[in-house]
PDB file of all heavy atoms in Angstrom:
ATOM      1  N   THR A   1    -204.850  -8.092 -23.363  1.00  0.00           N
ATOM      2  CA  THR A   1    -205.021  -7.912 -21.933  1.00  0.00           C
ATOM      3  C   THR A   1    -204.681  -6.467 -21.598  1.00  0.00           C
ATOM      4  O   THR A   1    -203.657  -5.954 -22.028  1.00  0.00           O
ATOM      5  CB  THR A   1    -204.107  -8.861 -21.150  1.00  0.00           C
ATOM      6  OG1 THR A   1    -204.424 -10.197 -21.518  1.00  0.00           O
ATOM      7  CG2 THR A   1    -204.283  -8.687 -19.654  1.00  0.00           C
ATOM      8  N   VAL A   2    -205.566  -5.828 -20.845  1.00  0.00           N
ATOM      9  CA  VAL A   2    -205.374  -4.431 -20.467  1.00  0.00           C
ATOM     10  C   VAL A   2    -205.449  -4.345 -18.951  1.00  0.00           C
ATOM     11  O   VAL A   2    -206.342  -4.920 -18.331  1.00  0.00           O
ATOM     12  CB  VAL A   2    -206.469  -3.540 -21.095  1.00  0.00           C
ATOM     13  CG1 VAL A   2    -206.310  -2.095 -20.667  1.00  0.00           C
ATOM     14  CG2 VAL A   2    -206.441  -3.657 -22.605  1.00  0.00           C
ATOM     15  N   ARG A   3    -204.522  -3.657 -18.364  1.00  0.00           N
ATOM     16  CA  ARG A   3    -204.542  -3.459 -16.914  1.00  0.00           C
ATOM     17  C   ARG A   3    -204.988  -2.028 -16.646  1.00  0.00           C
ATOM     18  O   ARG A   3    -204.373  -1.071 -17.104  1.00  0.00           O
ATOM     19  CB  ARG A   3    -203.169  -3.718 -16.326  1.00  0.00           C
ATOM     20  CG  ARG A   3    -203.147  -3.633 -14.841  1.00  0.00           C
ATOM     21  CD  ARG A   3    -201.769  -3.989 -14.305  1.00  0.00           C
ATOM     22  NE  ARG A   3    -201.826  -3.985 -12.878  1.00  0.00           N
ATOM     23  CZ  ARG A   3    -201.824  -5.052 -12.126  1.00  0.00           C
ATOM     24  NH1 ARG A   3    -201.743  -6.230 -12.675  1.00  0.00           N
ATOM     25  NH2 ARG A   3    -201.892  -4.965 -10.821  1.00  0.00           N
ATOM     26  N   LEU A   4    -206.090  -1.895 -15.922  1.00  0.00           N
ATOM     27  CA  LEU A   4    -206.634  -0.586 -15.600  1.00  0.00           C
ATOM     28  C   LEU A   4    -206.399  -0.283 -14.131  1.00  0.00           C
ATOM     29  O   LEU A   4    -206.842  -1.036 -13.260  1.00  0.00           O
ATOM     30  CB  LEU A   4    -208.138  -0.541 -15.877  1.00  0.00           C
ATOM     31  CG  LEU A   4    -208.579  -0.769 -17.317  1.00  0.00           C
ATOM     32  CD1 LEU A   4    -210.090  -0.848 -17.397  1.00  0.00           C
ATOM     33  CD2 LEU A   4    -208.056   0.333 -18.198  1.00  0.00           C
ATOM     34  N   PRO A   5    -205.724   0.806 -13.820  1.00  0.00           N
ATOM     35  CA  PRO A   5    -205.572   1.157 -12.407  1.00  0.00           C
ATOM     36  C   PRO A   5    -206.921   1.607 -11.846  1.00  0.00           C
ATOM     37  O   PRO A   5    -207.690   2.272 -12.527  1.00  0.00           O
ATOM     38  CB  PRO A   5    -204.572   2.308 -12.420  1.00  0.00           C
ATOM     39  CG  PRO A   5    -204.678   2.876 -13.789  1.00  0.00           C
ATOM     40  CD  PRO A   5    -205.087   1.749 -14.701  1.00  0.00           C
ATOM     41  N   VAL A   6    -207.207   1.207 -10.633  1.00  0.00           N
ATOM     42  CA  VAL A   6    -208.444   1.596  -9.971  1.00  0.00           C
ATOM     43  C   VAL A   6    -208.074   2.555  -8.859  1.00  0.00           C
ATOM     44  O   VAL A   6    -207.174   2.288  -8.068  1.00  0.00           O
ATOM     45  CB  VAL A   6    -209.182   0.361  -9.404  1.00  0.00           C
ATOM     46  CG1 VAL A   6    -210.433   0.793  -8.671  1.00  0.00           C
ATOM     47  CG2 VAL A   6    -209.504  -0.610 -10.520  1.00  0.00           C
ATOM     48  N   LEU A   7    -208.743   3.690  -8.818  1.00  0.00           N
ATOM     49  CA  LEU A   7    -208.450   4.688  -7.808  1.00  0.00           C
ATOM     50  C   LEU A   7    -209.556   4.737  -6.772  1.00  0.00           C
ATOM     51  O   LEU A   7    -210.722   4.555  -7.086  1.00  0.00           O
ATOM     52  CB  LEU A   7    -208.291   6.068  -8.447  1.00  0.00           C
ATOM     53  CG  LEU A   7    -207.208   6.198  -9.517  1.00  0.00           C
ATOM     54  CD1 LEU A   7    -207.216   7.613 -10.086  1.00  0.00           C
ATOM     55  CD2 LEU A   7    -205.848   5.850  -8.956  1.00  0.00           C
ATOM     56  N   THR A   8    -209.161   4.965  -5.535  1.00  0.00           N
ATOM     57  CA  THR A   8    -210.127   5.162  -4.468  1.00  0.00           C
ATOM     58  C   THR A   8    -210.726   6.558  -4.623  1.00  0.00           C
ATOM     59  O   THR A   8    -210.204   7.380  -5.383  1.00  0.00           O
ATOM     60  CB  THR A   8    -209.452   5.039  -3.084  1.00  0.00           C
ATOM     61  OG1 THR A   8    -208.500   6.103  -2.957  1.00  0.00           O
ATOM     62  CG2 THR A   8    -208.776   3.695  -2.908  1.00  0.00           C
ATOM     63  N   PRO A   9    -211.815   6.857  -3.903  1.00  0.00           N
ATOM     64  CA  PRO A   9    -212.393   8.200  -4.009  1.00  0.00           C
ATOM     65  C   PRO A   9    -211.395   9.315  -3.677  1.00  0.00           C
ATOM     66  O   PRO A   9    -211.509  10.418  -4.178  1.00  0.00           O
ATOM     67  CB  PRO A   9    -213.544   8.167  -2.997  1.00  0.00           C
ATOM     68  CG  PRO A   9    -213.949   6.739  -2.973  1.00  0.00           C
ATOM     69  CD  PRO A   9    -212.648   5.970  -3.111  1.00  0.00           C
ATOM     70  N   SER A  10    -210.368   9.007  -2.861  1.00  0.00           N
ATOM     71  CA  SER A  10    -209.376  10.032  -2.523  1.00  0.00           C
ATOM     72  C   SER A  10    -208.296  10.155  -3.587  1.00  0.00           C
ATOM     73  O   SER A  10    -207.389  10.959  -3.473  1.00  0.00           O
ATOM     74  CB  SER A  10    -208.735   9.715  -1.174  1.00  0.00           C
ATOM     75  OG  SER A  10    -208.009   8.497  -1.261  1.00  0.00           O
ATOM     76  N   GLY A  11    -208.361   9.322  -4.645  1.00  0.00           N
ATOM     77  CA  GLY A  11    -207.395   9.403  -5.730  1.00  0.00           C
ATOM     78  C   GLY A  11    -206.198   8.485  -5.572  1.00  0.00           C
ATOM     79  O   GLY A  11    -205.295   8.486  -6.393  1.00  0.00           O
ATOM     80  N   GLU A  12    -206.164   7.664  -4.515  1.00  0.00           N
ATOM     81  CA  GLU A  12    -205.047   6.743  -4.306  1.00  0.00           C
ATOM     82  C   GLU A  12    -205.282   5.463  -5.095  1.00  0.00           C
ATOM     83  O   GLU A  12    -206.419   5.077  -5.362  1.00  0.00           O
ATOM     84  CB  GLU A  12    -204.932   6.380  -2.821  1.00  0.00           C
ATOM     85  CG  GLU A  12    -204.660   7.570  -1.921  1.00  0.00           C
ATOM     86  CD  GLU A  12    -204.702   7.185  -0.456  1.00  0.00           C
ATOM     87  OE1 GLU A  12    -204.333   6.053  -0.128  1.00  0.00           O
ATOM     88  OE2 GLU A  12    -205.108   8.021   0.355  1.00  0.00           O
ATOM     89  N   ASP A  13    -204.183   4.781  -5.471  1.00  0.00           N
ATOM     90  CA  ASP A  13    -204.306   3.485  -6.140  1.00  0.00           C
ATOM     91  C   ASP A  13    -204.976   2.499  -5.209  1.00  0.00           C
ATOM     92  O   ASP A  13    -204.681   2.445  -4.023  1.00  0.00           O
ATOM     93  CB  ASP A  13    -202.937   2.926  -6.527  1.00  0.00           C
ATOM     94  CG  ASP A  13    -202.401   3.548  -7.804  1.00  0.00           C
ATOM     95  OD1 ASP A  13    -203.219   4.032  -8.594  1.00  0.00           O
ATOM     96  OD2 ASP A  13    -201.181   3.546  -7.986  1.00  0.00           O
ATOM     97  N   PHE A  14    -205.900   1.699  -5.749  1.00  0.00           N
ATOM     98  CA  PHE A  14    -206.546   0.638  -4.986  1.00  0.00           C
ATOM     99  C   PHE A  14    -205.917  -0.679  -5.397  1.00  0.00           C
ATOM    100  O   PHE A  14    -206.002  -1.080  -6.531  1.00  0.00           O
ATOM    101  CB  PHE A  14    -208.053   0.600  -5.267  1.00  0.00           C
ATOM    102  CG  PHE A  14    -208.730  -0.586  -4.666  1.00  0.00           C
ATOM    103  CD1 PHE A  14    -208.881  -0.697  -3.310  1.00  0.00           C
ATOM    104  CD2 PHE A  14    -209.194  -1.621  -5.469  1.00  0.00           C
ATOM    105  CE1 PHE A  14    -209.503  -1.794  -2.752  1.00  0.00           C
ATOM    106  CE2 PHE A  14    -209.805  -2.715  -4.925  1.00  0.00           C
ATOM    107  CZ  PHE A  14    -209.960  -2.808  -3.564  1.00  0.00           C
ATOM    108  N   SER A  15    -205.236  -1.336  -4.472  1.00  0.00           N
ATOM    109  CA  SER A  15    -204.558  -2.584  -4.805  1.00  0.00           C
ATOM    110  C   SER A  15    -205.185  -3.775  -4.086  1.00  0.00           C
ATOM    111  O   SER A  15    -204.632  -4.852  -4.077  1.00  0.00           O
ATOM    112  CB  SER A  15    -203.076  -2.485  -4.442  1.00  0.00           C
ATOM    113  OG  SER A  15    -202.928  -2.203  -3.060  1.00  0.00           O
ATOM    114  N   GLY A  16    -206.334  -3.571  -3.468  1.00  0.00           N
ATOM    115  CA  GLY A  16    -207.000  -4.644  -2.752  1.00  0.00           C
ATOM    116  C   GLY A  16    -207.829  -5.510  -3.679  1.00  0.00           C
ATOM    117  O   GLY A  16    -207.665  -5.501  -4.887  1.00  0.00           O
ATOM    118  N   VAL A  17    -208.732  -6.277  -3.087  1.00  0.00           N
ATOM    119  CA  VAL A  17    -209.623  -7.143  -3.853  1.00  0.00           C
ATOM    120  C   VAL A  17    -211.057  -6.828  -3.450  1.00  0.00           C
ATOM    121  O   VAL A  17    -211.305  -6.209  -2.426  1.00  0.00           O
ATOM    122  CB  VAL A  17    -209.304  -8.638  -3.617  1.00  0.00           C
ATOM    123  CG1 VAL A  17    -207.923  -8.988  -4.132  1.00  0.00           C
ATOM    124  CG2 VAL A  17    -209.406  -9.003  -2.145  1.00  0.00           C
ATOM    125  N   VAL A  18    -211.990  -7.269  -4.273  1.00  0.00           N
ATOM    126  CA  VAL A  18    -213.407  -7.070  -3.995  1.00  0.00           C
ATOM    127  C   VAL A  18    -214.041  -8.442  -3.846  1.00  0.00           C
ATOM    128  O   VAL A  18    -213.807  -9.330  -4.664  1.00  0.00           O
ATOM    129  CB  VAL A  18    -214.079  -6.277  -5.130  1.00  0.00           C
ATOM    130  CG1 VAL A  18    -215.563  -6.106  -4.867  1.00  0.00           C
ATOM    131  CG2 VAL A  18    -213.413  -4.926  -5.307  1.00  0.00           C
ATOM    132  N   VAL A  19    -214.801  -8.639  -2.776  1.00  0.00           N
ATOM    133  CA  VAL A  19    -215.416  -9.934  -2.482  1.00  0.00           C
ATOM    134  C   VAL A  19    -216.900  -9.743  -2.189  1.00  0.00           C
ATOM    135  O   VAL A  19    -217.336  -8.631  -1.882  1.00  0.00           O
ATOM    136  CB  VAL A  19    -214.731 -10.630  -1.281  1.00  0.00           C
ATOM    137  CG1 VAL A  19    -213.245 -10.835  -1.534  1.00  0.00           C
ATOM    138  CG2 VAL A  19    -214.942  -9.850   0.010  1.00  0.00           C
ATOM    139  N   PRO A  20    -217.675 -10.835  -2.247  1.00  0.00           N
ATOM    140  CA  PRO A  20    -219.084 -10.721  -1.857  1.00  0.00           C
ATOM    141  C   PRO A  20    -219.201 -10.295  -0.390  1.00  0.00           C
ATOM    142  O   PRO A  20    -218.452 -10.766   0.466  1.00  0.00           O
ATOM    143  CB  PRO A  20    -219.627 -12.139  -2.058  1.00  0.00           C
ATOM    144  CG  PRO A  20    -218.691 -12.775  -3.025  1.00  0.00           C
ATOM    145  CD  PRO A  20    -217.352 -12.170  -2.735  1.00  0.00           C
ATOM    146  N   LEU A  21    -220.126  -9.415  -0.119  1.00  0.00           N
ATOM    147  CA  LEU A  21    -220.345  -8.927   1.241  1.00  0.00           C
ATOM    148  C   LEU A  21    -220.666 -10.069   2.197  1.00  0.00           C
ATOM    149  O   LEU A  21    -220.281 -10.048   3.367  1.00  0.00           O
ATOM    150  CB  LEU A  21    -221.473  -7.884   1.227  1.00  0.00           C
ATOM    151  CG  LEU A  21    -221.683  -7.026   2.453  1.00  0.00           C
ATOM    152  CD1 LEU A  21    -220.410  -6.323   2.881  1.00  0.00           C
ATOM    153  CD2 LEU A  21    -222.760  -5.997   2.191  1.00  0.00           C
ATOM    154  N   ASP A  22    -221.347 -11.116   1.701  1.00  0.00           N
ATOM    155  CA  ASP A  22    -221.701 -12.268   2.541  1.00  0.00           C
ATOM    156  C   ASP A  22    -220.486 -13.031   3.045  1.00  0.00           C
ATOM    157  O   ASP A  22    -220.589 -13.812   3.995  1.00  0.00           O
ATOM    158  CB  ASP A  22    -222.603 -13.231   1.780  1.00  0.00           C
ATOM    159  CG  ASP A  22    -224.000 -12.676   1.557  1.00  0.00           C
ATOM    160  OD1 ASP A  22    -224.370 -11.712   2.267  1.00  0.00           O
ATOM    161  OD2 ASP A  22    -224.713 -13.199   0.693  1.00  0.00           O
ATOM    162  N   ALA A  23    -219.316 -12.841   2.436  1.00  0.00           N
ATOM    163  CA  ALA A  23    -218.115 -13.560   2.851  1.00  0.00           C
ATOM    164  C   ALA A  23    -217.442 -12.912   4.055  1.00  0.00           C
ATOM    165  O   ALA A  23    -216.585 -13.522   4.698  1.00  0.00           O
ATOM    166  CB  ALA A  23    -217.115 -13.632   1.697  1.00  0.00           C
ATOM    167  N   VAL A  24    -217.828 -11.682   4.386  1.00  0.00           N
ATOM    168  CA  VAL A  24    -217.148 -10.918   5.429  1.00  0.00           C
ATOM    169  C   VAL A  24    -217.986 -10.885   6.702  1.00  0.00           C
ATOM    170  O   VAL A  24    -219.183 -10.596   6.655  1.00  0.00           O
ATOM    171  CB  VAL A  24    -216.864  -9.480   4.959  1.00  0.00           C
ATOM    172  CG1 VAL A  24    -216.106  -8.699   6.021  1.00  0.00           C
ATOM    173  CG2 VAL A  24    -216.095  -9.487   3.648  1.00  0.00           C
ATOM    174  N   THR A  25    -217.340 -11.186   7.817  1.00  0.00           N
ATOM    175  CA  THR A  25    -217.980 -11.024   9.122  1.00  0.00           C
ATOM    176  C   THR A  25    -217.479  -9.708   9.693  1.00  0.00           C
ATOM    177  O   THR A  25    -216.268  -9.508   9.833  1.00  0.00           O
ATOM    178  CB  THR A  25    -217.635 -12.188  10.063  1.00  0.00           C
ATOM    179  OG1 THR A  25    -218.099 -13.402   9.471  1.00  0.00           O
ATOM    180  CG2 THR A  25    -218.277 -11.997  11.425  1.00  0.00           C
ATOM    181  N   ILE A  26    -218.415  -8.815   9.996  1.00  0.00           N
ATOM    182  CA  ILE A  26    -218.065  -7.489  10.486  1.00  0.00           C
ATOM    183  C   ILE A  26    -218.508  -7.390  11.940  1.00  0.00           C
ATOM    184  O   ILE A  26    -219.700  -7.380  12.232  1.00  0.00           O
ATOM    185  CB  ILE A  26    -218.734  -6.395   9.634  1.00  0.00           C
ATOM    186  CG1 ILE A  26    -218.309  -6.547   8.171  1.00  0.00           C
ATOM    187  CG2 ILE A  26    -218.395  -5.009  10.173  1.00  0.00           C
ATOM    188  CD1 ILE A  26    -219.045  -5.639   7.205  1.00  0.00           C
ATOM    189  N   GLY A  27    -217.524  -7.363  12.836  1.00  0.00           N
ATOM    190  CA  GLY A  27    -217.800  -7.245  14.260  1.00  0.00           C
ATOM    191  C   GLY A  27    -217.448  -5.862  14.764  1.00  0.00           C
ATOM    192  O   GLY A  27    -216.986  -5.005  14.013  1.00  0.00           O
ATOM    193  N   THR A  28    -217.649  -5.644  16.047  1.00  0.00           N
ATOM    194  CA  THR A  28    -217.340  -4.334  16.613  1.00  0.00           C
ATOM    195  C   THR A  28    -215.835  -4.119  16.766  1.00  0.00           C
ATOM    196  O   THR A  28    -215.367  -2.989  16.747  1.00  0.00           O
ATOM    197  CB  THR A  28    -218.012  -4.161  17.986  1.00  0.00           C
ATOM    198  OG1 THR A  28    -217.595  -5.231  18.839  1.00  0.00           O
ATOM    199  CG2 THR A  28    -219.519  -4.151  17.851  1.00  0.00           C
ATOM    200  N   GLU A  29    -215.074  -5.202  16.919  1.00  0.00           N
ATOM    201  CA  GLU A  29    -213.638  -5.064  17.121  1.00  0.00           C
ATOM    202  C   GLU A  29    -212.796  -5.638  15.996  1.00  0.00           C
ATOM    203  O   GLU A  29    -211.599  -5.380  15.928  1.00  0.00           O
ATOM    204  CB  GLU A  29    -213.236  -5.704  18.446  1.00  0.00           C
ATOM    205  CG  GLU A  29    -213.867  -5.000  19.633  1.00  0.00           C
ATOM    206  CD  GLU A  29    -213.394  -5.555  20.957  1.00  0.00           C
ATOM    207  OE1 GLU A  29    -212.341  -6.219  20.981  1.00  0.00           O
ATOM    208  OE2 GLU A  29    -214.075  -5.326  21.962  1.00  0.00           O
ATOM    209  N   GLU A  30    -213.389  -6.453  15.126  1.00  0.00           N
ATOM    210  CA  GLU A  30    -212.615  -7.043  14.037  1.00  0.00           C
ATOM    211  C   GLU A  30    -213.518  -7.362  12.852  1.00  0.00           C
ATOM    212  O   GLU A  30    -214.719  -7.514  12.996  1.00  0.00           O
ATOM    213  CB  GLU A  30    -211.892  -8.312  14.497  1.00  0.00           C
ATOM    214  CG  GLU A  30    -212.818  -9.435  14.902  1.00  0.00           C
ATOM    215  CD  GLU A  30    -212.074 -10.676  15.360  1.00  0.00           C
ATOM    216  OE1 GLU A  30    -210.847 -10.750  15.263  1.00  0.00           O
ATOM    217  OE2 GLU A  30    -212.761 -11.597  15.833  1.00  0.00           O
ATOM    218  N   GLN A  31    -212.891  -7.425  11.695  1.00  0.00           N
ATOM    219  CA  GLN A  31    -213.555  -7.831  10.465  1.00  0.00           C
ATOM    220  C   GLN A  31    -212.708  -8.964   9.898  1.00  0.00           C
ATOM    221  O   GLN A  31    -211.480  -8.866   9.872  1.00  0.00           O
ATOM    222  CB  GLN A  31    -213.621  -6.684   9.448  1.00  0.00           C
ATOM    223  CG  GLN A  31    -214.419  -5.492   9.915  1.00  0.00           C
ATOM    224  CD  GLN A  31    -213.645  -4.558  10.817  1.00  0.00           C
ATOM    225  OE1 GLN A  31    -212.486  -4.299  10.603  1.00  0.00           O
ATOM    226  NE2 GLN A  31    -214.296  -4.055  11.856  1.00  0.00           N
ATOM    227  N   PHE A  32    -213.369 -10.025   9.425  1.00  0.00           N
ATOM    228  CA  PHE A  32    -212.591 -11.155   8.944  1.00  0.00           C
ATOM    229  C   PHE A  32    -213.339 -11.943   7.891  1.00  0.00           C
ATOM    230  O   PHE A  32    -214.552 -11.823   7.738  1.00  0.00           O
ATOM    231  CB  PHE A  32    -212.177 -12.086  10.097  1.00  0.00           C
ATOM    232  CG  PHE A  32    -213.328 -12.660  10.881  1.00  0.00           C
ATOM    233  CD1 PHE A  32    -213.918 -13.857  10.508  1.00  0.00           C
ATOM    234  CD2 PHE A  32    -213.816 -12.011  12.001  1.00  0.00           C
ATOM    235  CE1 PHE A  32    -214.970 -14.392  11.230  1.00  0.00           C
ATOM    236  CE2 PHE A  32    -214.865 -12.531  12.738  1.00  0.00           C
ATOM    237  CZ  PHE A  32    -215.448 -13.736  12.347  1.00  0.00           C
ATOM    238  N   VAL A  33    -212.556 -12.733   7.155  1.00  0.00           N
ATOM    239  CA  VAL A  33    -213.077 -13.715   6.204  1.00  0.00           C
ATOM    240  C   VAL A  33    -212.431 -15.040   6.561  1.00  0.00           C
ATOM    241  O   VAL A  33    -211.462 -15.096   7.324  1.00  0.00           O
ATOM    242  CB  VAL A  33    -212.746 -13.342   4.731  1.00  0.00           C
ATOM    243  CG1 VAL A  33    -213.410 -12.042   4.336  1.00  0.00           C
ATOM    244  CG2 VAL A  33    -211.256 -13.297   4.481  1.00  0.00           C
TER     245      VAL A  33
END
């Protein structure tokens, strides 16, 4: 098992998760799953 750090384009550690775009509702005032 290997753990690879993922960096954002700005070079910061990315500790979030990645989900299908269809799972996210993107509104003008809020975004939610």
